[in-house]
Amino acid sequence: MFTGIIQALGTIRPLEGNYWQISCVRHPCEVIMGDLSYGDSVAVDGICLTVEEILKDGFIATASPETLRRTTLGKEQTEPKYVNLETSLRVGGKVGGHFVMGHVDGIGCMVSAQQTATAWEMTFTAPDAIAHYIVPKGSITVNGISLTVADYNPEISQFTVAVIPLTYVETNLSYLVNGSWVNLEGDILGKYVEKFLKFPTNTTREEVTPAFLAEHGYL
């Protein structure tokens, strides 16, 4: 599990087979490499990858066919690309963003990025697999970054986030251009709510009403 607070910027490049080499390029590598161990999980642009070999300034991981199909790693690239890096959340650690699983729901595309007096307003498309989890003022993960949805247009499946200058500069958002692909993950809380509300039709359950919630201590 992760929090969506990026710790370092790195590069990623494919090796033979399904192996990928991830290297730190900005910030002291100790942030990522300090106590990195074989088998650890690291979020790479929001994709949870397992460390299989540790290098001087990075590590090697494997991307499964499912990961390639569902994330930007499956998109053709001709040179190393910048990726956001975050090590897994430790028990008792600060959750500065929101709970991020590192399980990408789908790929979106940047539509526009406009600088305002205090932030960057960035708009992305959202595939059907994630669109129904997006709500204004809710959380969404873009390339592993925990962001708050400022606006959502369900008719064209596009959402806008307001990005503070620090986040824009310290992550790979500043390298995106119109048409850039990004990894998207919906809020895990929304997924569980959806799961619990979709009861089997042949099962008798009480209707979820304000009275039901109050009776069970939710109001």
Protein backbone atom coordinates (compact mmCIF):
# COMPACT_ATOMS: atom_id res chain seq x y z
CA MET A 1 0.00 0.00 0.00
CA PHE A 2 1.13 3.55 -0.79
CA THR A 3 -0.03 7.11 -0.07
CA GLY A 4 0.43 8.90 -3.40
CA ILE A 5 3.13 11.22 -2.03
CA ILE A 6 6.03 10.95 -4.46
CA GLN A 7 9.49 10.53 -2.94
CA ALA A 8 11.73 10.69 -5.98
CA LEU A 9 11.83 10.90 -9.74
CA GLY A 10 13.43 8.15 -11.79
CA THR A 11 13.74 6.67 -15.23
CA ILE A 12 12.56 3.31 -16.52
CA ARG A 13 13.70 1.30 -19.50
CA PRO A 14 12.88 -2.18 -20.74
CA LEU A 15 15.41 -5.00 -20.63
CA GLU A 16 15.22 -8.44 -22.23
CA GLY A 17 12.08 -10.37 -21.47
CA ASN A 18 9.62 -8.64 -19.15
CA TYR A 19 12.35 -7.09 -17.02
CA TRP A 20 12.55 -3.34 -16.42
CA GLN A 21 15.34 -1.24 -14.95
CA ILE A 22 14.28 1.64 -12.72
CA SER A 23 16.90 4.23 -11.75
CA CYS A 24 16.72 7.26 -9.44
CA VAL A 25 17.66 10.52 -11.14
CA ARG A 26 16.45 13.27 -8.80
CA HIS A 27 16.59 13.73 -5.01
CA PRO A 28 19.07 11.71 -2.95
CA CYS A 29 18.71 8.06 -3.90
CA GLU A 30 18.71 7.20 -0.19
CA VAL A 31 15.05 8.18 -0.06
CA ILE A 32 14.26 5.13 -2.18
CA MET A 33 17.39 3.03 -1.79
CA GLY A 34 18.11 3.58 1.92
CA ASP A 35 16.71 0.28 3.19
CA LEU A 36 15.34 -1.22 -0.01
CA SER A 37 15.32 -5.01 0.12
CA TYR A 38 14.75 -7.89 -2.26
CA GLY A 39 11.00 -8.49 -2.54
CA ASP A 40 9.96 -4.98 -1.51
CA SER A 41 7.16 -3.19 -3.32
CA VAL A 42 7.75 0.16 -5.03
CA ALA A 43 5.16 2.24 -6.83
CA VAL A 44 6.55 3.19 -10.24
CA ASP A 45 4.21 5.74 -11.85
CA GLY A 46 1.51 4.23 -9.67
CA ILE A 47 2.29 0.63 -10.64
CA CYS A 48 3.17 -1.67 -7.76
CA LEU A 49 6.35 -3.52 -8.81
CA THR A 50 8.40 -6.02 -6.83
CA VAL A 51 12.14 -5.50 -6.40
CA GLU A 52 13.97 -8.50 -7.86
CA GLU A 53 17.50 -7.13 -8.04
CA ILE A 54 19.03 -4.10 -6.32
CA LEU A 55 21.42 -1.84 -8.23
CA LYS A 56 23.61 1.03 -7.07
CA ASP A 57 21.01 3.68 -7.83
CA GLY A 58 17.93 1.65 -8.64
CA PHE A 59 16.47 -1.82 -9.06
CA ILE A 60 15.12 -4.34 -11.56
CA ALA A 61 11.53 -5.58 -11.59
CA THR A 62 9.30 -7.74 -13.76
CA ALA A 63 6.09 -6.51 -15.39
CA SER A 64 3.52 -9.21 -16.05
CA PRO A 65 1.47 -9.34 -19.27
CA GLU A 66 -1.54 -8.06 -17.28
CA THR A 67 0.49 -5.09 -16.06
CA LEU A 68 1.66 -4.31 -19.59
CA ARG A 69 -1.90 -4.52 -20.88
CA ARG A 70 -3.40 -2.31 -18.21
CA THR A 71 -0.69 0.36 -17.76
CA THR A 72 1.50 2.76 -19.70
CA LEU A 73 4.35 0.24 -19.59
CA GLY A 74 2.60 -1.46 -22.49
CA LYS A 75 2.81 1.70 -24.59
CA GLU A 76 5.70 1.84 -27.03
CA GLN A 77 8.63 3.95 -25.87
CA THR A 78 11.87 4.68 -27.67
CA GLU A 79 13.88 6.13 -24.78
CA PRO A 80 13.89 6.09 -20.98
CA LYS A 81 10.93 7.97 -19.52
CA TYR A 82 10.63 9.78 -16.21
CA VAL A 83 8.59 7.96 -13.58
CA ASN A 84 7.37 8.82 -10.09
CA LEU A 85 8.71 6.62 -7.29
CA GLU A 86 7.31 5.84 -3.85
CA THR A 87 8.21 3.06 -1.43
CA SER A 88 5.44 1.19 0.39
CA LEU A 89 3.74 2.63 3.46
CA ARG A 90 5.11 1.48 6.79
CA VAL A 91 2.93 0.76 9.80
CA GLY A 92 2.60 4.01 11.71
CA GLY A 93 3.77 6.10 8.75
CA LYS A 94 2.06 9.32 7.68
CA VAL A 95 -0.70 9.10 5.09
CA GLY A 96 -0.22 12.47 3.41
CA GLY A 97 -2.38 11.60 0.42
CA HIS A 98 -4.85 8.70 0.41
CA PHE A 99 -4.63 4.93 0.37
CA VAL A 100 -3.14 3.90 -2.97
CA MET A 101 -2.93 0.21 -3.81
CA GLY A 102 -0.65 0.40 -6.84
CA HIS A 103 -3.23 -1.51 -8.89
CA VAL A 104 -3.82 0.63 -11.95
CA ASP A 105 -7.42 0.62 -13.21
CA GLY A 106 -6.70 2.00 -16.65
CA ILE A 107 -4.88 4.47 -18.84
CA GLY A 108 -5.95 8.09 -19.29
CA CYS A 109 -4.70 10.84 -21.55
CA MET A 110 -3.78 14.44 -20.73
CA VAL A 111 -6.04 16.85 -22.58
CA SER A 112 -4.69 20.18 -21.33
CA ALA A 113 -2.54 21.87 -18.68
CA GLN A 114 -2.99 25.52 -17.83
CA GLN A 115 -1.00 27.53 -15.32
CA THR A 116 -2.96 29.78 -12.99
CA ALA A 117 -1.77 32.26 -10.37
CA THR A 118 -1.49 29.56 -7.70
CA ALA A 119 -1.59 26.17 -9.41
CA TRP A 120 -1.69 24.13 -12.59
CA GLU A 121 -5.11 22.98 -13.80
CA MET A 122 -4.67 19.69 -15.62
CA THR A 123 -7.41 17.81 -17.46
CA PHE A 124 -7.36 14.10 -18.30
CA THR A 125 -9.62 11.59 -19.98
CA ALA A 126 -10.79 8.60 -17.96
CA PRO A 127 -11.64 5.13 -19.32
CA ASP A 128 -14.91 3.45 -18.36
CA ALA A 129 -13.09 1.20 -15.88
CA ILE A 130 -12.45 4.17 -13.61
CA ALA A 131 -14.90 6.88 -14.68
CA HIS A 132 -17.68 5.78 -12.30
CA TYR A 133 -15.33 6.12 -9.30
CA ILE A 134 -14.59 9.79 -9.99
CA VAL A 135 -16.43 12.34 -7.87
CA PRO A 136 -15.75 16.07 -7.40
CA LYS A 137 -13.49 16.65 -4.37
CA GLY A 138 -12.76 12.94 -4.26
CA SER A 139 -9.31 11.36 -4.55
CA ILE A 140 -7.72 9.95 -7.68
CA THR A 141 -4.23 8.69 -8.45
CA VAL A 142 -2.48 9.97 -11.57
CA ASN A 143 0.91 8.36 -12.27
CA GLY A 144 1.06 7.41 -8.60
CA ILE A 145 0.28 10.94 -7.36
CA SER A 146 -2.58 11.46 -4.92
CA LEU A 147 -4.69 14.30 -6.35
CA THR A 148 -8.09 15.81 -5.61
CA VAL A 149 -10.68 15.99 -8.37
CA ALA A 150 -11.61 19.64 -8.91
CA ASP A 151 -14.18 18.99 -11.62
CA TYR A 152 -15.61 16.03 -13.53
CA ASN A 153 -17.58 15.98 -16.78
CA PRO A 154 -19.24 12.56 -17.09
CA GLU A 155 -20.59 13.32 -20.56
CA ILE A 156 -17.10 13.31 -22.07
CA SER A 157 -15.37 11.30 -19.28
CA GLN A 158 -12.88 14.02 -18.42
CA PHE A 159 -11.75 15.26 -15.02
CA THR A 160 -9.66 18.21 -13.87
CA VAL A 161 -7.22 18.41 -10.97
CA ALA A 162 -5.54 21.45 -9.45
CA VAL A 163 -1.84 20.76 -8.91
CA ILE A 164 0.22 22.92 -6.56
CA PRO A 165 3.59 24.16 -7.91
CA LEU A 166 5.60 21.85 -5.60
CA THR A 167 3.85 18.73 -6.87
CA TYR A 168 4.09 19.91 -10.47
CA VAL A 169 7.86 20.51 -10.26
CA GLU A 170 8.80 17.50 -8.13
CA THR A 171 6.91 14.88 -10.20
CA ASN A 172 6.73 13.92 -13.85
CA LEU A 173 3.57 15.98 -14.36
CA SER A 174 5.82 18.79 -15.57
CA TYR A 175 7.04 16.55 -18.41
CA LEU A 176 3.58 15.70 -19.74
CA VAL A 177 2.27 17.20 -22.96
CA ASN A 178 -1.16 17.07 -24.54
CA GLY A 179 -1.74 13.47 -25.53
CA SER A 180 0.58 11.97 -22.90
CA TRP A 181 -0.65 8.68 -21.41
CA VAL A 182 -1.02 8.38 -17.63
CA ASN A 183 -1.83 5.59 -15.19
CA LEU A 184 -5.07 6.05 -13.25
CA GLU A 185 -6.27 4.38 -10.06
CA GLY A 186 -9.61 5.06 -8.42
CA ASP A 187 -10.10 5.47 -4.69
CA ILE A 188 -10.22 2.04 -3.02
CA LEU A 189 -13.00 3.25 -0.70
CA GLY A 190 -15.28 3.83 -3.68
CA LYS A 191 -14.60 0.32 -4.94
CA TYR A 192 -15.59 -1.28 -1.66
CA VAL A 193 -18.74 0.84 -1.43
CA GLU A 194 -19.66 -0.30 -4.94
CA LYS A 195 -19.00 -3.92 -4.00
CA PHE A 196 -21.14 -3.82 -0.87
CA LEU A 197 -24.05 -2.09 -2.59
CA LYS A 198 -24.18 -4.61 -5.42
CA PHE A 199 -25.82 -7.40 -3.44
CA PRO A 200 -26.94 -10.58 -5.26
CA THR A 201 -30.53 -10.21 -6.46
CA ASN A 202 -31.51 -13.56 -4.92
CA THR A 203 -30.34 -12.55 -1.45
CA THR A 204 -32.67 -10.80 0.96
CA ARG A 205 -30.95 -7.83 2.62
CA GLU A 206 -32.15 -4.71 4.35
CA GLU A 207 -32.33 -1.57 2.24
CA VAL A 208 -29.59 0.94 3.00
CA THR A 209 -31.55 3.95 4.25
CA PRO A 210 -30.76 6.84 6.65
CA ALA A 211 -32.63 4.89 9.35
CA PHE A 212 -30.55 1.75 8.67
CA LEU A 213 -27.30 3.76 8.87
CA ALA A 214 -28.37 5.46 12.09
CA GLU A 215 -29.28 2.13 13.66
CA HIS A 216 -25.84 0.76 12.88
CA GLY A 217 -23.94 3.78 14.15
CA TYR A 218 -23.11 5.58 10.89
CA LEU A 219 -25.08 8.78 11.56
